[in-house]
Amino acid sequence: MKSVQIKLKLAEHVKSFVQKVAMFPGELDLRSGRYVVDAKSILGIFSLDLSKPITLEIYDNDCEELLKSLEEFIIK
């Protein structure tokens, strides 16, 4: 499992993020505090507090291509 912090500031960012992670076959979750939602669910993402960084949890060790496609959202 790999975890990275991401930031989704605008509704367009959420839409772009979901389109990118939907192409990845593995399981992905977003965690904000005690809340966890499916990272491929637009409605789930909008139920989180998007004003704070969110943790993306990737349940696959082969995720370099996914991380590269999500660079614009990852907090460095």
N, C-alpha and C. Protein backbone atom coordinates (compact mmCIF):
# COMPACT_ATOMS: atom_id res chain seq x y z
N MET A 1 0.85 -1.18 0.00
CA MET A 1 0.00 0.00 0.00
C MET A 1 0.89 1.24 0.00
N LYS A 2 0.45 2.25 -0.72
CA LYS A 2 1.16 3.52 -0.78
C LYS A 2 0.18 4.63 -0.47
N SER A 3 0.61 5.64 0.26
CA SER A 3 -0.23 6.78 0.61
C SER A 3 0.46 8.07 0.20
N VAL A 4 -0.33 8.99 -0.38
CA VAL A 4 0.17 10.33 -0.72
C VAL A 4 -0.90 11.35 -0.34
N GLN A 5 -0.46 12.56 -0.06
CA GLN A 5 -1.38 13.65 0.24
C GLN A 5 -1.72 14.37 -1.06
N ILE A 6 -3.01 14.65 -1.26
CA ILE A 6 -3.44 15.37 -2.45
C ILE A 6 -4.31 16.56 -2.05
N LYS A 7 -4.49 17.47 -2.97
CA LYS A 7 -5.34 18.64 -2.77
C LYS A 7 -6.22 18.79 -4.00
N LEU A 8 -7.53 18.85 -3.79
CA LEU A 8 -8.50 19.05 -4.86
C LEU A 8 -9.23 20.36 -4.57
N LYS A 9 -8.83 21.44 -5.24
CA LYS A 9 -9.33 22.77 -4.92
C LYS A 9 -10.65 23.11 -5.60
N LEU A 10 -10.84 22.67 -6.83
CA LEU A 10 -12.01 23.05 -7.61
C LEU A 10 -12.80 21.83 -8.05
N ALA A 11 -14.05 22.03 -8.41
CA ALA A 11 -14.89 20.94 -8.91
C ALA A 11 -14.27 20.32 -10.16
N GLU A 12 -13.64 21.15 -10.99
CA GLU A 12 -12.99 20.63 -12.20
C GLU A 12 -11.83 19.71 -11.84
N HIS A 13 -11.14 20.00 -10.73
CA HIS A 13 -10.05 19.13 -10.28
C HIS A 13 -10.59 17.77 -9.86
N VAL A 14 -11.73 17.76 -9.17
CA VAL A 14 -12.34 16.51 -8.74
C VAL A 14 -12.71 15.67 -9.96
N LYS A 15 -13.32 16.30 -10.96
CA LYS A 15 -13.72 15.60 -12.18
C LYS A 15 -12.50 15.01 -12.89
N SER A 16 -11.45 15.80 -13.04
CA SER A 16 -10.23 15.33 -13.70
C SER A 16 -9.58 14.20 -12.89
N PHE A 17 -9.54 14.33 -11.58
CA PHE A 17 -8.97 13.31 -10.71
C PHE A 17 -9.71 11.98 -10.88
N VAL A 18 -11.04 12.02 -10.85
CA VAL A 18 -11.83 10.79 -10.97
C VAL A 18 -11.63 10.15 -12.34
N GLN A 19 -11.56 10.95 -13.39
CA GLN A 19 -11.32 10.40 -14.73
C GLN A 19 -9.98 9.67 -14.78
N LYS A 20 -8.97 10.21 -14.13
CA LYS A 20 -7.64 9.60 -14.16
C LYS A 20 -7.60 8.32 -13.32
N VAL A 21 -8.17 8.34 -12.12
CA VAL A 21 -8.11 7.15 -11.28
C VAL A 21 -9.04 6.04 -11.78
N ALA A 22 -10.08 6.40 -12.54
CA ALA A 22 -11.00 5.40 -13.08
C ALA A 22 -10.29 4.48 -14.08
N MET A 23 -9.23 4.95 -14.70
CA MET A 23 -8.48 4.14 -15.65
C MET A 23 -7.54 3.14 -14.96
N PHE A 24 -7.33 3.34 -13.66
CA PHE A 24 -6.44 2.46 -12.89
C PHE A 24 -7.25 1.29 -12.36
N PRO A 25 -6.83 0.04 -12.60
CA PRO A 25 -7.64 -1.11 -12.20
C PRO A 25 -7.62 -1.42 -10.70
N GLY A 26 -6.66 -0.88 -9.98
CA GLY A 26 -6.53 -1.20 -8.56
C GLY A 26 -7.55 -0.50 -7.68
N GLU A 27 -7.50 -0.83 -6.38
CA GLU A 27 -8.38 -0.22 -5.40
C GLU A 27 -7.73 1.03 -4.84
N LEU A 28 -8.53 2.10 -4.72
CA LEU A 28 -8.05 3.38 -4.23
C LEU A 28 -9.07 3.95 -3.24
N ASP A 29 -8.58 4.49 -2.15
CA ASP A 29 -9.45 5.16 -1.17
C ASP A 29 -8.93 6.56 -0.92
N LEU A 30 -9.85 7.43 -0.51
CA LEU A 30 -9.48 8.76 -0.04
C LEU A 30 -9.86 8.84 1.42
N ARG A 31 -8.95 9.32 2.26
CA ARG A 31 -9.18 9.42 3.69
C ARG A 31 -9.04 10.89 4.12
N SER A 32 -10.06 11.36 4.82
CA SER A 32 -10.05 12.70 5.38
C SER A 32 -10.52 12.57 6.82
N GLY A 33 -9.58 12.65 7.75
CA GLY A 33 -9.92 12.42 9.15
C GLY A 33 -10.37 10.99 9.34
N ARG A 34 -11.56 10.79 9.89
CA ARG A 34 -12.07 9.44 10.10
C ARG A 34 -12.94 8.94 8.96
N TYR A 35 -13.12 9.77 7.93
CA TYR A 35 -13.96 9.40 6.79
C TYR A 35 -13.12 8.79 5.67
N VAL A 36 -13.62 7.71 5.10
CA VAL A 36 -12.95 7.03 3.98
C VAL A 36 -13.97 6.81 2.88
N VAL A 37 -13.61 7.20 1.65
CA VAL A 37 -14.50 7.01 0.50
C VAL A 37 -13.71 6.39 -0.65
N ASP A 38 -14.42 5.79 -1.58
CA ASP A 38 -13.83 5.25 -2.80
C ASP A 38 -13.31 6.42 -3.64
N ALA A 39 -12.05 6.37 -4.02
CA ALA A 39 -11.44 7.47 -4.78
C ALA A 39 -12.02 7.59 -6.20
N LYS A 40 -12.77 6.60 -6.64
CA LYS A 40 -13.36 6.63 -7.98
C LYS A 40 -14.79 7.15 -7.95
N SER A 41 -15.25 7.61 -6.78
CA SER A 41 -16.63 8.08 -6.62
C SER A 41 -16.67 9.60 -6.49
N ILE A 42 -17.22 10.26 -7.49
CA ILE A 42 -17.34 11.73 -7.45
C ILE A 42 -18.18 12.16 -6.25
N LEU A 43 -19.31 11.51 -6.02
CA LEU A 43 -20.17 11.88 -4.90
C LEU A 43 -19.46 11.65 -3.57
N GLY A 44 -18.71 10.56 -3.48
CA GLY A 44 -17.96 10.30 -2.26
C GLY A 44 -16.93 11.38 -1.99
N ILE A 45 -16.24 11.82 -3.02
CA ILE A 45 -15.22 12.85 -2.86
C ILE A 45 -15.85 14.16 -2.41
N PHE A 46 -17.00 14.51 -2.98
CA PHE A 46 -17.64 15.76 -2.59
C PHE A 46 -18.20 15.71 -1.17
N SER A 47 -18.28 14.53 -0.57
CA SER A 47 -18.73 14.45 0.81
C SER A 47 -17.59 14.73 1.80
N LEU A 48 -16.36 14.84 1.30
CA LEU A 48 -15.20 15.12 2.14
C LEU A 48 -14.98 16.63 2.26
N ASP A 49 -14.19 17.01 3.26
CA ASP A 49 -13.80 18.41 3.43
C ASP A 49 -12.64 18.69 2.47
N LEU A 50 -12.94 19.34 1.35
CA LEU A 50 -11.93 19.57 0.32
C LEU A 50 -11.06 20.79 0.59
N SER A 51 -11.31 21.48 1.71
CA SER A 51 -10.47 22.63 2.05
C SER A 51 -9.15 22.20 2.67
N LYS A 52 -9.05 20.92 3.03
CA LYS A 52 -7.83 20.38 3.65
C LYS A 52 -7.23 19.32 2.75
N PRO A 53 -5.94 19.04 2.92
CA PRO A 53 -5.34 17.94 2.16
C PRO A 53 -6.02 16.61 2.49
N ILE A 54 -6.07 15.73 1.50
CA ILE A 54 -6.71 14.42 1.63
C ILE A 54 -5.65 13.36 1.36
N THR A 55 -5.75 12.24 2.05
CA THR A 55 -4.81 11.14 1.85
C THR A 55 -5.36 10.16 0.82
N LEU A 56 -4.60 9.94 -0.24
CA LEU A 56 -4.94 8.93 -1.24
C LEU A 56 -4.21 7.66 -0.87
N GLU A 57 -4.97 6.58 -0.67
CA GLU A 57 -4.39 5.28 -0.33
C GLU A 57 -4.53 4.36 -1.53
N ILE A 58 -3.39 3.86 -2.01
CA ILE A 58 -3.34 3.01 -3.20
C ILE A 58 -2.99 1.60 -2.74
N TYR A 59 -3.86 0.65 -3.03
CA TYR A 59 -3.65 -0.74 -2.58
C TYR A 59 -3.03 -1.58 -3.69
N ASP A 60 -1.93 -1.09 -4.23
CA ASP A 60 -1.21 -1.78 -5.29
C ASP A 60 0.22 -1.26 -5.27
N ASN A 61 1.19 -2.14 -5.33
CA ASN A 61 2.58 -1.71 -5.30
C ASN A 61 3.06 -1.16 -6.63
N ASP A 62 2.38 -1.50 -7.72
CA ASP A 62 2.76 -1.04 -9.05
C ASP A 62 1.89 0.16 -9.42
N CYS A 63 2.24 1.33 -8.88
CA CYS A 63 1.38 2.50 -9.07
C CYS A 63 2.13 3.72 -9.58
N GLU A 64 3.35 3.54 -10.06
CA GLU A 64 4.15 4.68 -10.51
C GLU A 64 3.48 5.44 -11.65
N GLU A 65 2.87 4.72 -12.58
CA GLU A 65 2.20 5.37 -13.71
C GLU A 65 1.02 6.21 -13.22
N LEU A 66 0.26 5.68 -12.27
CA LEU A 66 -0.86 6.42 -11.69
C LEU A 66 -0.36 7.68 -10.99
N LEU A 67 0.67 7.55 -10.18
CA LEU A 67 1.21 8.70 -9.46
C LEU A 67 1.71 9.78 -10.41
N LYS A 68 2.29 9.35 -11.51
CA LYS A 68 2.78 10.31 -12.50
C LYS A 68 1.60 11.08 -13.12
N SER A 69 0.48 10.39 -13.39
CA SER A 69 -0.67 11.05 -13.98
C SER A 69 -1.38 11.99 -12.99
N LEU A 70 -1.15 11.77 -11.69
CA LEU A 70 -1.80 12.60 -10.65
C LEU A 70 -0.88 13.67 -10.07
N GLU A 71 0.27 13.91 -10.70
CA GLU A 71 1.25 14.85 -10.17
C GLU A 71 0.68 16.22 -9.83
N GLU A 72 -0.26 16.71 -10.63
CA GLU A 72 -0.81 18.05 -10.40
C GLU A 72 -1.60 18.14 -9.10
N PHE A 73 -2.04 17.03 -8.56
CA PHE A 73 -2.84 17.02 -7.32
C PHE A 73 -2.02 16.67 -6.08
N ILE A 74 -0.85 16.08 -6.27
CA ILE A 74 -0.05 15.60 -5.15
C ILE A 74 0.68 16.76 -4.48
N ILE A 75 0.58 16.79 -3.15
CA ILE A 75 1.27 17.80 -2.36
C ILE A 75 2.70 17.33 -2.13
N LYS A 76 3.64 18.15 -2.49
CA LYS A 76 5.05 17.74 -2.37
C LYS A 76 5.66 18.30 -1.12
